[in-house]
Amino acid sequence: MSAQEILRYVRASPFRPFRIHMASGQTFDIRHPEMVRVGTRDIIIFKLVSESFDIYDDWDTVGLLLIESISHLEPSVA
């Protein structure tokens, strides 16, 4: 997956939450564009403490070559 492909999801207007599927089977749910920083070879996925985008608890670094696919998350039914 290329950095430009990831950025299309992150910069979409309006933003739609999406799930990153890794070749290992691991997934990452991206619910806000502020959760992701895109680099040339990898992305950083931040785990937020709360609804505040200024404070994160942890992060994962994911290689772009290891991303298998991306799918949009369905809105939750209330």
N, C-alpha and C. Protein backbone atom coordinates (compact mmCIF):
# COMPACT_ATOMS: atom_id res chain seq x y z
N MET A 1 0.86 -1.17 0.00
CA MET A 1 0.00 0.00 0.00
C MET A 1 0.91 1.23 0.00
N SER A 2 0.52 2.24 -0.73
CA SER A 2 1.35 3.45 -0.81
C SER A 2 0.88 4.50 0.21
N ALA A 3 1.77 5.43 0.50
CA ALA A 3 1.44 6.53 1.41
C ALA A 3 0.26 7.34 0.85
N GLN A 4 0.22 7.53 -0.46
CA GLN A 4 -0.86 8.31 -1.07
C GLN A 4 -2.21 7.62 -0.90
N GLU A 5 -2.24 6.29 -0.97
CA GLU A 5 -3.50 5.56 -0.76
C GLU A 5 -4.01 5.75 0.66
N ILE A 6 -3.11 5.68 1.63
CA ILE A 6 -3.50 5.89 3.03
C ILE A 6 -4.00 7.32 3.22
N LEU A 7 -3.29 8.28 2.64
CA LEU A 7 -3.68 9.69 2.79
C LEU A 7 -5.06 9.96 2.20
N ARG A 8 -5.46 9.24 1.17
CA ARG A 8 -6.81 9.42 0.62
C ARG A 8 -7.88 9.11 1.67
N TYR A 9 -7.65 8.09 2.47
CA TYR A 9 -8.59 7.76 3.55
C TYR A 9 -8.52 8.78 4.67
N VAL A 10 -7.31 9.16 5.05
CA VAL A 10 -7.12 10.08 6.17
C VAL A 10 -7.67 11.47 5.85
N ARG A 11 -7.50 11.93 4.61
CA ARG A 11 -7.91 13.29 4.22
C ARG A 11 -9.30 13.37 3.61
N ALA A 12 -10.01 12.27 3.56
CA ALA A 12 -11.34 12.27 2.95
C ALA A 12 -12.24 13.30 3.63
N SER A 13 -13.04 13.96 2.84
CA SER A 13 -13.97 14.96 3.38
C SER A 13 -15.37 14.65 2.85
N PRO A 14 -16.27 14.25 3.70
CA PRO A 14 -16.11 14.08 5.15
C PRO A 14 -15.31 12.81 5.46
N PHE A 15 -14.65 12.85 6.61
CA PHE A 15 -13.87 11.69 7.05
C PHE A 15 -14.80 10.54 7.38
N ARG A 16 -14.44 9.35 6.93
CA ARG A 16 -15.17 8.12 7.27
C ARG A 16 -14.21 7.19 8.00
N PRO A 17 -14.58 6.73 9.21
CA PRO A 17 -13.71 5.80 9.93
C PRO A 17 -13.39 4.57 9.07
N PHE A 18 -12.18 4.04 9.24
CA PHE A 18 -11.77 2.90 8.44
C PHE A 18 -10.93 1.93 9.25
N ARG A 19 -10.79 0.73 8.72
CA ARG A 19 -10.01 -0.33 9.38
C ARG A 19 -8.85 -0.71 8.47
N ILE A 20 -7.66 -0.77 9.05
CA ILE A 20 -6.48 -1.22 8.33
C ILE A 20 -6.29 -2.71 8.64
N HIS A 21 -6.20 -3.51 7.59
CA HIS A 21 -6.01 -4.96 7.71
C HIS A 21 -4.56 -5.29 7.36
N MET A 22 -3.87 -5.91 8.31
CA MET A 22 -2.47 -6.26 8.10
C MET A 22 -2.35 -7.68 7.55
N ALA A 23 -1.24 -7.96 6.91
CA ALA A 23 -0.99 -9.30 6.37
C ALA A 23 -0.98 -10.35 7.49
N SER A 24 -0.63 -9.95 8.70
CA SER A 24 -0.59 -10.86 9.85
C SER A 24 -1.97 -11.20 10.40
N GLY A 25 -3.00 -10.47 9.94
CA GLY A 25 -4.35 -10.65 10.46
C GLY A 25 -4.74 -9.59 11.49
N GLN A 26 -3.77 -8.85 11.97
CA GLN A 26 -4.06 -7.77 12.92
C GLN A 26 -4.81 -6.65 12.22
N THR A 27 -5.66 -5.95 12.96
CA THR A 27 -6.40 -4.82 12.40
C THR A 27 -6.24 -3.60 13.31
N PHE A 28 -6.39 -2.44 12.70
CA PHE A 28 -6.36 -1.17 13.42
C PHE A 28 -7.56 -0.35 12.97
N ASP A 29 -8.39 0.06 13.93
CA ASP A 29 -9.54 0.90 13.61
C ASP A 29 -9.13 2.36 13.74
N ILE A 30 -9.32 3.11 12.67
CA ILE A 30 -8.99 4.53 12.64
C ILE A 30 -10.30 5.30 12.66
N ARG A 31 -10.60 5.89 13.81
CA ARG A 31 -11.89 6.58 13.99
C ARG A 31 -11.78 8.09 13.81
N HIS A 32 -10.56 8.61 13.79
CA HIS A 32 -10.34 10.04 13.60
C HIS A 32 -9.06 10.22 12.78
N PRO A 33 -9.02 11.19 11.89
CA PRO A 33 -7.81 11.38 11.09
C PRO A 33 -6.58 11.72 11.92
N GLU A 34 -6.77 12.26 13.11
CA GLU A 34 -5.66 12.62 13.97
C GLU A 34 -4.95 11.41 14.56
N MET A 35 -5.51 10.23 14.37
CA MET A 35 -4.92 9.01 14.91
C MET A 35 -3.77 8.50 14.05
N VAL A 36 -3.56 9.06 12.86
CA VAL A 36 -2.57 8.51 11.92
C VAL A 36 -1.62 9.59 11.43
N ARG A 37 -0.35 9.24 11.37
CA ARG A 37 0.67 10.05 10.70
C ARG A 37 1.30 9.16 9.64
N VAL A 38 1.35 9.67 8.41
CA VAL A 38 1.82 8.87 7.28
C VAL A 38 3.25 9.26 6.92
N GLY A 39 4.10 8.26 6.79
CA GLY A 39 5.48 8.48 6.37
C GLY A 39 5.72 7.85 5.01
N THR A 40 6.95 7.88 4.56
CA THR A 40 7.26 7.34 3.24
C THR A 40 7.28 5.82 3.21
N ARG A 41 7.60 5.18 4.35
CA ARG A 41 7.67 3.72 4.41
C ARG A 41 6.78 3.09 5.46
N ASP A 42 6.24 3.92 6.36
CA ASP A 42 5.40 3.38 7.42
C ASP A 42 4.40 4.43 7.88
N ILE A 43 3.48 4.00 8.73
CA ILE A 43 2.54 4.93 9.36
C ILE A 43 2.61 4.72 10.87
N ILE A 44 2.29 5.78 11.59
CA ILE A 44 2.21 5.70 13.05
C ILE A 44 0.74 5.81 13.40
N ILE A 45 0.26 4.86 14.18
CA ILE A 45 -1.14 4.84 14.61
C ILE A 45 -1.15 5.11 16.11
N PHE A 46 -1.77 6.23 16.49
CA PHE A 46 -1.83 6.63 17.89
C PHE A 46 -3.07 6.06 18.55
N LYS A 47 -2.90 5.61 19.79
CA LYS A 47 -4.02 5.16 20.61
C LYS A 47 -4.35 6.30 21.56
N LEU A 48 -5.55 6.85 21.43
CA LEU A 48 -5.93 8.04 22.18
C LEU A 48 -6.40 7.69 23.58
N VAL A 49 -6.11 8.58 24.52
CA VAL A 49 -6.52 8.41 25.91
C VAL A 49 -8.02 8.65 26.05
N SER A 50 -8.50 9.65 25.37
CA SER A 50 -9.91 10.02 25.46
C SER A 50 -10.30 10.65 24.13
N GLU A 51 -11.33 11.45 24.13
CA GLU A 51 -11.74 12.15 22.91
C GLU A 51 -10.81 13.30 22.57
N SER A 52 -9.87 13.61 23.46
CA SER A 52 -8.90 14.66 23.20
C SER A 52 -7.84 14.14 22.23
N PHE A 53 -7.63 14.84 21.14
CA PHE A 53 -6.65 14.43 20.15
C PHE A 53 -5.25 14.91 20.51
N ASP A 54 -5.13 15.68 21.59
CA ASP A 54 -3.85 16.22 22.00
C ASP A 54 -3.04 15.25 22.86
N ILE A 55 -3.72 14.25 23.44
CA ILE A 55 -3.06 13.33 24.36
C ILE A 55 -3.24 11.90 23.85
N TYR A 56 -2.12 11.21 23.66
CA TYR A 56 -2.21 9.81 23.26
C TYR A 56 -1.56 8.94 24.34
N ASP A 57 -1.97 7.68 24.36
CA ASP A 57 -1.50 6.75 25.38
C ASP A 57 -0.35 5.89 24.86
N ASP A 58 -0.45 5.48 23.61
CA ASP A 58 0.53 4.56 23.04
C ASP A 58 0.47 4.71 21.52
N TRP A 59 1.36 4.06 20.82
CA TRP A 59 1.34 4.10 19.37
C TRP A 59 1.92 2.81 18.80
N ASP A 60 1.57 2.53 17.55
CA ASP A 60 2.14 1.42 16.80
C ASP A 60 2.72 1.98 15.51
N THR A 61 3.84 1.45 15.10
CA THR A 61 4.43 1.79 13.81
C THR A 61 4.18 0.61 12.88
N VAL A 62 3.60 0.90 11.72
CA VAL A 62 3.17 -0.14 10.79
C VAL A 62 3.82 0.11 9.43
N GLY A 63 4.49 -0.89 8.89
CA GLY A 63 5.10 -0.77 7.57
C GLY A 63 4.05 -0.77 6.47
N LEU A 64 4.17 0.16 5.54
CA LEU A 64 3.20 0.23 4.44
C LEU A 64 3.14 -1.06 3.64
N LEU A 65 4.27 -1.74 3.48
CA LEU A 65 4.30 -2.98 2.70
C LEU A 65 3.55 -4.12 3.37
N LEU A 66 3.28 -3.99 4.68
CA LEU A 66 2.60 -5.05 5.42
C LEU A 66 1.08 -4.85 5.49
N ILE A 67 0.60 -3.72 4.95
CA ILE A 67 -0.85 -3.47 4.94
C ILE A 67 -1.46 -4.23 3.77
N GLU A 68 -2.42 -5.08 4.09
CA GLU A 68 -3.07 -5.91 3.08
C GLU A 68 -4.23 -5.18 2.42
N SER A 69 -5.06 -4.52 3.23
CA SER A 69 -6.21 -3.81 2.67
C SER A 69 -6.75 -2.81 3.69
N ILE A 70 -7.68 -1.98 3.22
CA ILE A 70 -8.38 -1.01 4.07
C ILE A 70 -9.86 -1.11 3.74
N SER A 71 -10.69 -1.06 4.78
CA SER A 71 -12.14 -1.06 4.57
C SER A 71 -12.76 -0.02 5.47
N HIS A 72 -13.86 0.55 5.00
CA HIS A 72 -14.57 1.53 5.84
C HIS A 72 -15.33 0.82 6.94
N LEU A 73 -15.40 1.45 8.10
CA LEU A 73 -16.17 0.92 9.21
C LEU A 73 -17.62 1.35 9.05
N GLU A 74 -18.51 0.47 9.35
CA GLU A 74 -19.94 0.80 9.30
C GLU A 74 -20.29 1.63 10.52
N PRO A 75 -21.14 2.63 10.36
CA PRO A 75 -21.57 3.41 11.52
C PRO A 75 -22.30 2.50 12.52
N SER A 76 -22.05 2.72 13.81
CA SER A 76 -22.73 1.91 14.82
C SER A 76 -24.19 2.29 14.89
N VAL A 77 -25.01 1.30 15.14
CA VAL A 77 -26.46 1.51 15.24
C VAL A 77 -26.80 1.75 16.69
N ALA A 78 -27.47 2.86 16.96
CA ALA A 78 -27.83 3.20 18.34
C ALA A 78 -29.18 2.67 18.72
